[in-house]
Amino acid sequence: MGVGFIGEFEHMVLLAIMRLGDSAYGVAIMDELERTAGRTSSRGAIYMILDRLEAKGLLTSHLGEPSAERGGRAKKFVLLTAEGLEAVRRSQGALRDLASGLETMLEVEP
């Protein structure tokens, strides 16, 4: 059965992770959300949601190599799990079903 529905911000963060692939980490996700969706968020909000998504089993994380430009700190990279991909598919499908027949009102092409 897995995780129920995900929230809007969770959905957006998971989509950003999908777009970034192996390069997904906190600041890159934050930048991707702003670039593609116009959604600004704080680093704290991004890291909090990443922790929550990992606790739900929707993503996994691993540390990269420490780098001098980061003061010797490593980036924490994230990847979607199969459950994370299924949560995005389920959420996308629900939104598509809800919007069906409302294209004129939403000015969306079918």
C-alpha atoms as a PDB file:
ATOM      1  CA  MET A   1       0.000   0.000   0.000  1.00  0.00           C
ATOM      2  CA  GLY A   2       2.752   2.451   0.941  1.00  0.00           C
ATOM      3  CA  VAL A   3       2.525   6.136   1.698  1.00  0.00           C
ATOM      4  CA  GLY A   4      -0.752   7.988   1.156  1.00  0.00           C
ATOM      5  CA  PHE A   5      -0.992  11.199  -0.792  1.00  0.00           C
ATOM      6  CA  ILE A   6       1.816  13.697  -0.649  1.00  0.00           C
ATOM      7  CA  GLY A   7       1.445  17.439  -0.122  1.00  0.00           C
ATOM      8  CA  GLU A   8       2.014  20.081  -2.776  1.00  0.00           C
ATOM      9  CA  PHE A   9       5.474  21.086  -1.571  1.00  0.00           C
ATOM     10  CA  GLU A  10       6.522  17.447  -1.175  1.00  0.00           C
ATOM     11  CA  HIS A  11       5.300  16.827  -4.736  1.00  0.00           C
ATOM     12  CA  MET A  12       7.297  19.789  -6.045  1.00  0.00           C
ATOM     13  CA  VAL A  13      10.451  18.742  -4.201  1.00  0.00           C
ATOM     14  CA  LEU A  14      10.191  15.172  -5.523  1.00  0.00           C
ATOM     15  CA  LEU A  15       9.740  16.490  -9.075  1.00  0.00           C
ATOM     16  CA  ALA A  16      12.786  18.748  -8.658  1.00  0.00           C
ATOM     17  CA  ILE A  17      14.797  15.738  -7.447  1.00  0.00           C
ATOM     18  CA  MET A  18      13.662  13.799 -10.510  1.00  0.00           C
ATOM     19  CA  ARG A  19      14.749  16.674 -12.778  1.00  0.00           C
ATOM     20  CA  LEU A  20      18.175  16.906 -11.117  1.00  0.00           C
ATOM     21  CA  GLY A  21      18.857  13.158 -11.082  1.00  0.00           C
ATOM     22  CA  ASP A  22      22.210  12.236  -9.495  1.00  0.00           C
ATOM     23  CA  SER A  23      22.948  15.938  -8.878  1.00  0.00           C
ATOM     24  CA  ALA A  24      20.099  16.476  -6.406  1.00  0.00           C
ATOM     25  CA  TYR A  25      21.093  18.026  -3.087  1.00  0.00           C
ATOM     26  CA  GLY A  26      19.547  20.750  -0.914  1.00  0.00           C
ATOM     27  CA  VAL A  27      20.730  23.959  -2.590  1.00  0.00           C
ATOM     28  CA  ALA A  28      20.348  22.540  -6.121  1.00  0.00           C
ATOM     29  CA  ILE A  29      16.777  21.492  -5.289  1.00  0.00           C
ATOM     30  CA  MET A  30      16.037  24.952  -3.897  1.00  0.00           C
ATOM     31  CA  ASP A  31      17.446  26.561  -7.063  1.00  0.00           C
ATOM     32  CA  GLU A  32      15.513  24.171  -9.333  1.00  0.00           C
ATOM     33  CA  LEU A  33      12.234  24.976  -7.566  1.00  0.00           C
ATOM     34  CA  GLU A  34      12.833  28.693  -8.018  1.00  0.00           C
ATOM     35  CA  ARG A  35      13.996  28.368 -11.630  1.00  0.00           C
ATOM     36  CA  THR A  36      11.248  26.090 -12.907  1.00  0.00           C
ATOM     37  CA  ALA A  37       8.297  26.793 -10.607  1.00  0.00           C
ATOM     38  CA  GLY A  38       9.013  30.270  -9.275  1.00  0.00           C
ATOM     39  CA  ARG A  39       8.811  28.812  -5.762  1.00  0.00           C
ATOM     40  CA  THR A  40      11.264  30.280  -3.286  1.00  0.00           C
ATOM     41  CA  SER A  41      12.037  28.512  -0.054  1.00  0.00           C
ATOM     42  CA  SER A  42      14.610  28.606   2.695  1.00  0.00           C
ATOM     43  CA  ARG A  43      17.388  26.080   3.091  1.00  0.00           C
ATOM     44  CA  GLY A  44      15.841  25.070   6.400  1.00  0.00           C
ATOM     45  CA  ALA A  45      12.499  24.285   4.726  1.00  0.00           C
ATOM     46  CA  ILE A  46      14.221  22.212   2.037  1.00  0.00           C
ATOM     47  CA  TYR A  47      16.273  20.199   4.515  1.00  0.00           C
ATOM     48  CA  MET A  48      13.252  19.657   6.763  1.00  0.00           C
ATOM     49  CA  ILE A  49      11.173  18.310   3.850  1.00  0.00           C
ATOM     50  CA  LEU A  50      14.073  16.124   2.656  1.00  0.00           C
ATOM     51  CA  ASP A  51      14.325  14.584   6.126  1.00  0.00           C
ATOM     52  CA  ARG A  52      10.546  14.000   6.181  1.00  0.00           C
ATOM     53  CA  LEU A  53      10.545  12.435   2.694  1.00  0.00           C
ATOM     54  CA  GLU A  54      13.431  10.156   3.654  1.00  0.00           C
ATOM     55  CA  ALA A  55      11.613   9.125   6.856  1.00  0.00           C
ATOM     56  CA  LYS A  56       8.574   8.236   4.717  1.00  0.00           C
ATOM     57  CA  GLY A  57      10.811   6.060   2.511  1.00  0.00           C
ATOM     58  CA  LEU A  58      10.299   8.248  -0.578  1.00  0.00           C
ATOM     59  CA  LEU A  59      13.984   9.046  -1.029  1.00  0.00           C
ATOM     60  CA  THR A  60      17.395   7.918   0.083  1.00  0.00           C
ATOM     61  CA  SER A  61      20.486   9.990   0.763  1.00  0.00           C
ATOM     62  CA  HIS A  62      24.235   9.637   0.704  1.00  0.00           C
ATOM     63  CA  LEU A  63      27.159  11.953   1.364  1.00  0.00           C
ATOM     64  CA  GLY A  64      29.405  13.029  -1.488  1.00  0.00           C
ATOM     65  CA  GLU A  65      33.087  13.789  -1.153  1.00  0.00           C
ATOM     66  CA  PRO A  66      34.079  16.731   1.053  1.00  0.00           C
ATOM     67  CA  SER A  67      35.114  19.755  -0.994  1.00  0.00           C
ATOM     68  CA  ALA A  68      37.386  22.729  -0.285  1.00  0.00           C
ATOM     69  CA  GLU A  69      34.814  25.211  -1.653  1.00  0.00           C
ATOM     70  CA  ARG A  70      32.384  23.949   1.012  1.00  0.00           C
ATOM     71  CA  GLY A  71      34.924  24.291   3.812  1.00  0.00           C
ATOM     72  CA  GLY A  72      35.634  20.563   3.812  1.00  0.00           C
ATOM     73  CA  ARG A  73      31.958  19.633   4.147  1.00  0.00           C
ATOM     74  CA  ALA A  74      30.285  17.024   1.948  1.00  0.00           C
ATOM     75  CA  LYS A  75      27.041  17.498   0.036  1.00  0.00           C
ATOM     76  CA  LYS A  76      24.129  15.263   1.012  1.00  0.00           C
ATOM     77  CA  PHE A  77      22.749  13.901  -2.267  1.00  0.00           C
ATOM     78  CA  VAL A  78      19.244  12.441  -2.522  1.00  0.00           C
ATOM     79  CA  LEU A  79      17.537  10.016  -4.899  1.00  0.00           C
ATOM     80  CA  LEU A  80      13.921   8.919  -5.228  1.00  0.00           C
ATOM     81  CA  THR A  81      13.060   5.398  -4.169  1.00  0.00           C
ATOM     82  CA  ALA A  82      10.539   3.267  -6.046  1.00  0.00           C
ATOM     83  CA  GLU A  83       8.005   4.353  -3.405  1.00  0.00           C
ATOM     84  CA  GLY A  84       8.846   7.998  -4.081  1.00  0.00           C
ATOM     85  CA  LEU A  85       8.281   7.567  -7.796  1.00  0.00           C
ATOM     86  CA  GLU A  86       4.979   5.815  -7.113  1.00  0.00           C
ATOM     87  CA  ALA A  87       3.894   8.662  -4.800  1.00  0.00           C
ATOM     88  CA  VAL A  88       4.591  11.197  -7.571  1.00  0.00           C
ATOM     89  CA  ARG A  89       2.708   9.082 -10.117  1.00  0.00           C
ATOM     90  CA  ARG A  90      -0.259   8.707  -7.769  1.00  0.00           C
ATOM     91  CA  SER A  91      -0.349  12.433  -7.010  1.00  0.00           C
ATOM     92  CA  GLN A  92       0.024  13.408 -10.689  1.00  0.00           C
ATOM     93  CA  GLY A  93      -2.789  11.024 -11.605  1.00  0.00           C
ATOM     94  CA  ALA A  94      -5.101  12.405  -8.920  1.00  0.00           C
ATOM     95  CA  LEU A  95      -4.477  15.975 -10.070  1.00  0.00           C
ATOM     96  CA  ARG A  96      -5.018  14.998 -13.711  1.00  0.00           C
ATOM     97  CA  ASP A  97      -8.291  13.245 -12.826  1.00  0.00           C
ATOM     98  CA  LEU A  98      -9.514  16.194 -10.776  1.00  0.00           C
ATOM     99  CA  ALA A  99      -8.688  18.649 -13.575  1.00  0.00           C
ATOM    100  CA  SER A 100     -10.310  16.517 -16.278  1.00  0.00           C
ATOM    101  CA  GLY A 101     -13.168  18.428 -17.868  1.00  0.00           C
ATOM    102  CA  LEU A 102     -12.010  21.725 -16.379  1.00  0.00           C
ATOM    103  CA  GLU A 103      -9.547  22.612 -19.142  1.00  0.00           C
ATOM    104  CA  THR A 104     -11.583  25.635 -20.268  1.00  0.00           C
ATOM    105  CA  MET A 105     -11.827  26.999 -16.746  1.00  0.00           C
ATOM    106  CA  LEU A 106      -8.142  26.316 -16.101  1.00  0.00           C
ATOM    107  CA  GLU A 107      -7.076  27.357 -19.604  1.00  0.00           C
ATOM    108  CA  VAL A 108      -5.163  24.095 -19.913  1.00  0.00           C
ATOM    109  CA  GLU A 109      -4.953  22.060 -23.075  1.00  0.00           C
ATOM    110  CA  PRO A 110      -6.173  18.453 -22.619  1.00  0.00           C
END
